[in-house]
N, C-alpha and C. Protein backbone atom coordinates (compact mmCIF):
# COMPACT_ATOMS: atom_id res chain seq x y z
N UNK A 1 0.70 25.29 3.15
CA UNK A 1 0.40 25.40 1.73
C UNK A 1 -1.12 25.31 1.56
N UNK A 2 -1.67 26.25 0.81
CA UNK A 2 -3.10 26.22 0.47
C UNK A 2 -3.20 26.20 -1.05
N UNK A 3 -3.11 25.00 -1.64
CA UNK A 3 -3.12 24.90 -3.10
C UNK A 3 -4.48 25.25 -3.69
N UNK A 4 -4.49 25.75 -4.91
CA UNK A 4 -5.76 26.11 -5.55
C UNK A 4 -6.59 24.86 -5.88
N UNK A 5 -7.90 25.03 -5.84
CA UNK A 5 -8.81 23.95 -6.20
C UNK A 5 -8.56 23.55 -7.65
N UNK A 6 -8.51 22.25 -7.88
CA UNK A 6 -8.25 21.71 -9.21
C UNK A 6 -6.80 21.35 -9.46
N UNK A 7 -5.90 21.82 -8.60
CA UNK A 7 -4.49 21.49 -8.76
C UNK A 7 -4.23 20.12 -8.14
N UNK A 8 -3.05 19.59 -8.38
CA UNK A 8 -2.66 18.30 -7.83
C UNK A 8 -1.59 18.52 -6.78
N UNK A 9 -1.71 17.76 -5.69
CA UNK A 9 -0.77 17.89 -4.58
C UNK A 9 -0.41 16.50 -4.08
N UNK A 10 0.70 16.43 -3.37
CA UNK A 10 1.15 15.18 -2.77
C UNK A 10 0.98 15.29 -1.27
N UNK A 11 0.32 14.31 -0.69
CA UNK A 11 0.22 14.18 0.76
C UNK A 11 1.52 13.50 1.19
N UNK A 12 2.45 14.26 1.73
CA UNK A 12 3.77 13.71 2.04
C UNK A 12 3.74 12.71 3.19
N UNK A 13 2.64 12.66 3.94
CA UNK A 13 2.56 11.67 5.01
C UNK A 13 2.26 10.27 4.46
N UNK A 14 1.68 10.21 3.24
CA UNK A 14 1.36 8.91 2.62
C UNK A 14 2.01 8.73 1.26
N UNK A 15 2.43 9.82 0.63
CA UNK A 15 2.99 9.77 -0.72
C UNK A 15 1.94 9.74 -1.80
N UNK A 16 0.67 9.85 -1.43
CA UNK A 16 -0.41 9.76 -2.40
C UNK A 16 -0.65 11.10 -3.10
N UNK A 17 -0.87 11.02 -4.42
CA UNK A 17 -1.19 12.20 -5.22
C UNK A 17 -2.70 12.37 -5.24
N UNK A 18 -3.15 13.59 -5.05
CA UNK A 18 -4.58 13.85 -5.08
C UNK A 18 -4.90 15.19 -5.73
N UNK A 19 -6.11 15.29 -6.22
CA UNK A 19 -6.59 16.56 -6.78
C UNK A 19 -7.27 17.35 -5.68
N UNK A 20 -6.94 18.61 -5.59
CA UNK A 20 -7.51 19.47 -4.56
C UNK A 20 -8.97 19.75 -4.91
N UNK A 21 -9.87 19.35 -3.98
CA UNK A 21 -11.30 19.50 -4.19
C UNK A 21 -11.88 20.64 -3.38
N UNK A 22 -11.20 21.04 -2.33
CA UNK A 22 -11.71 22.11 -1.50
C UNK A 22 -10.88 22.32 -0.26
N UNK A 23 -11.31 23.29 0.52
CA UNK A 23 -10.66 23.62 1.78
C UNK A 23 -11.75 23.64 2.83
N UNK A 24 -11.61 22.81 3.84
CA UNK A 24 -12.62 22.70 4.88
C UNK A 24 -11.95 22.87 6.24
N UNK A 25 -12.26 23.97 6.88
CA UNK A 25 -11.60 24.25 8.16
C UNK A 25 -10.10 24.35 7.94
N UNK A 26 -9.33 23.67 8.78
CA UNK A 26 -7.88 23.74 8.62
C UNK A 26 -7.33 22.76 7.57
N UNK A 27 -8.20 21.96 6.95
CA UNK A 27 -7.75 20.90 6.06
C UNK A 27 -7.95 21.21 4.58
N UNK A 28 -7.16 20.53 3.78
CA UNK A 28 -7.32 20.54 2.32
C UNK A 28 -7.92 19.20 1.96
N UNK A 29 -8.97 19.21 1.16
CA UNK A 29 -9.62 17.97 0.75
C UNK A 29 -9.05 17.52 -0.59
N UNK A 30 -8.55 16.29 -0.60
CA UNK A 30 -7.95 15.71 -1.80
C UNK A 30 -8.76 14.51 -2.25
N UNK A 31 -8.77 14.28 -3.55
CA UNK A 31 -9.42 13.11 -4.13
C UNK A 31 -8.37 12.38 -4.97
N UNK A 32 -8.30 11.05 -4.89
CA UNK A 32 -7.32 10.31 -5.68
C UNK A 32 -7.49 10.54 -7.17
N UNK A 33 -6.42 10.40 -7.92
CA UNK A 33 -6.48 10.54 -9.37
C UNK A 33 -7.47 9.51 -9.90
N UNK A 34 -8.39 9.92 -10.75
CA UNK A 34 -9.38 9.03 -11.33
C UNK A 34 -10.65 8.92 -10.50
N UNK A 35 -10.69 9.58 -9.36
CA UNK A 35 -11.88 9.56 -8.52
C UNK A 35 -11.71 8.69 -7.29
N UNK A 36 -12.73 8.67 -6.50
CA UNK A 36 -12.69 7.90 -5.27
C UNK A 36 -13.01 8.77 -4.07
N UNK A 37 -12.83 8.20 -2.92
CA UNK A 37 -13.16 8.88 -1.68
C UNK A 37 -12.15 9.96 -1.34
N UNK A 38 -12.65 11.13 -1.03
CA UNK A 38 -11.78 12.24 -0.64
C UNK A 38 -11.22 12.00 0.75
N UNK A 39 -10.08 12.61 1.01
CA UNK A 39 -9.53 12.58 2.35
C UNK A 39 -9.07 13.98 2.73
N UNK A 40 -9.10 14.23 4.03
CA UNK A 40 -8.66 15.52 4.56
C UNK A 40 -7.18 15.44 4.88
N UNK A 41 -6.48 16.48 4.51
CA UNK A 41 -5.04 16.50 4.69
C UNK A 41 -4.63 17.83 5.32
N UNK A 42 -3.82 17.78 6.36
CA UNK A 42 -3.31 19.03 6.93
C UNK A 42 -2.42 19.73 5.91
N UNK A 43 -2.56 21.02 5.73
CA UNK A 43 -1.80 21.73 4.70
C UNK A 43 -0.29 21.68 4.91
N UNK A 44 0.16 21.47 6.14
CA UNK A 44 1.61 21.46 6.38
C UNK A 44 2.30 20.21 5.84
N UNK A 45 1.54 19.18 5.47
CA UNK A 45 2.16 17.98 4.89
C UNK A 45 1.94 17.89 3.38
N UNK A 46 1.45 18.97 2.77
CA UNK A 46 1.22 19.00 1.32
C UNK A 46 2.35 19.70 0.58
N UNK A 47 2.54 19.25 -0.64
CA UNK A 47 3.39 19.98 -1.57
C UNK A 47 2.81 19.78 -2.96
N UNK A 48 3.16 20.67 -3.86
CA UNK A 48 2.67 20.59 -5.24
C UNK A 48 3.21 19.32 -5.90
N UNK A 49 2.36 18.63 -6.64
CA UNK A 49 2.77 17.43 -7.36
C UNK A 49 3.56 17.84 -8.60
N UNK A 50 4.63 17.12 -8.87
CA UNK A 50 5.41 17.37 -10.08
C UNK A 50 4.70 16.76 -11.28
N UNK A 51 5.12 17.15 -12.46
CA UNK A 51 4.56 16.56 -13.69
C UNK A 51 4.78 15.05 -13.68
N UNK A 52 5.94 14.62 -13.27
CA UNK A 52 6.25 13.19 -13.21
C UNK A 52 5.29 12.46 -12.27
N UNK A 53 5.00 13.04 -11.11
CA UNK A 53 4.10 12.41 -10.16
C UNK A 53 2.67 12.35 -10.69
N UNK A 54 2.23 13.40 -11.37
CA UNK A 54 0.89 13.38 -11.96
C UNK A 54 0.79 12.32 -13.05
N UNK A 55 1.81 12.21 -13.89
CA UNK A 55 1.80 11.20 -14.95
C UNK A 55 1.85 9.79 -14.37
N UNK A 56 2.62 9.59 -13.31
CA UNK A 56 2.69 8.28 -12.67
C UNK A 56 1.33 7.90 -12.09
N UNK A 57 0.64 8.86 -11.46
CA UNK A 57 -0.69 8.59 -10.91
C UNK A 57 -1.68 8.25 -12.03
N UNK A 58 -1.61 8.97 -13.14
CA UNK A 58 -2.49 8.71 -14.28
C UNK A 58 -2.22 7.33 -14.87
N UNK A 59 -0.97 6.96 -14.99
CA UNK A 59 -0.60 5.65 -15.54
C UNK A 59 -1.05 4.53 -14.63
N UNK A 60 -0.86 4.70 -13.33
CA UNK A 60 -1.31 3.70 -12.37
C UNK A 60 -2.81 3.50 -12.46
N UNK A 61 -3.55 4.60 -12.54
CA UNK A 61 -5.00 4.52 -12.66
C UNK A 61 -5.40 3.81 -13.96
N UNK A 62 -4.77 4.18 -15.07
CA UNK A 62 -5.09 3.56 -16.37
C UNK A 62 -4.80 2.06 -16.35
N UNK A 63 -3.71 1.67 -15.74
CA UNK A 63 -3.37 0.24 -15.65
C UNK A 63 -4.39 -0.51 -14.79
N UNK A 64 -4.78 0.06 -13.66
CA UNK A 64 -5.78 -0.56 -12.80
C UNK A 64 -7.11 -0.67 -13.52
N UNK A 65 -7.45 0.35 -14.26
CA UNK A 65 -8.72 0.35 -15.00
C UNK A 65 -8.71 -0.72 -16.08
N UNK A 66 -7.61 -0.88 -16.78
CA UNK A 66 -7.54 -1.88 -17.85
C UNK A 66 -7.59 -3.30 -17.32
N UNK A 67 -7.19 -3.48 -16.05
CA UNK A 67 -7.27 -4.80 -15.42
C UNK A 67 -8.61 -5.04 -14.74
N UNK A 68 -9.52 -4.04 -14.82
CA UNK A 68 -10.85 -4.18 -14.24
C UNK A 68 -10.90 -3.97 -12.74
N UNK A 69 -9.85 -3.36 -12.19
CA UNK A 69 -9.80 -3.15 -10.74
C UNK A 69 -10.61 -1.93 -10.31
N UNK A 70 -10.88 -1.02 -11.23
CA UNK A 70 -11.70 0.15 -10.94
C UNK A 70 -12.72 0.31 -12.06
N UNK A 71 -13.90 0.83 -11.75
CA UNK A 71 -14.92 0.99 -12.79
C UNK A 71 -14.58 2.08 -13.78
């Protein structure tokens, strides 16, 4: 899977939702919802994030932010 830049995908090896930031060599670069350090993910372990998964990631980020865990 080679998802378009700006879309959201799930790294099925970790279950983490990330925004597609680019494609570098054989990898897809993902960034966690709300920002943070990008990670490289092999395209064969990616799938498109569902609306439910994107909303869950946004809610988790908002909750962490309200508790002061992220800037």
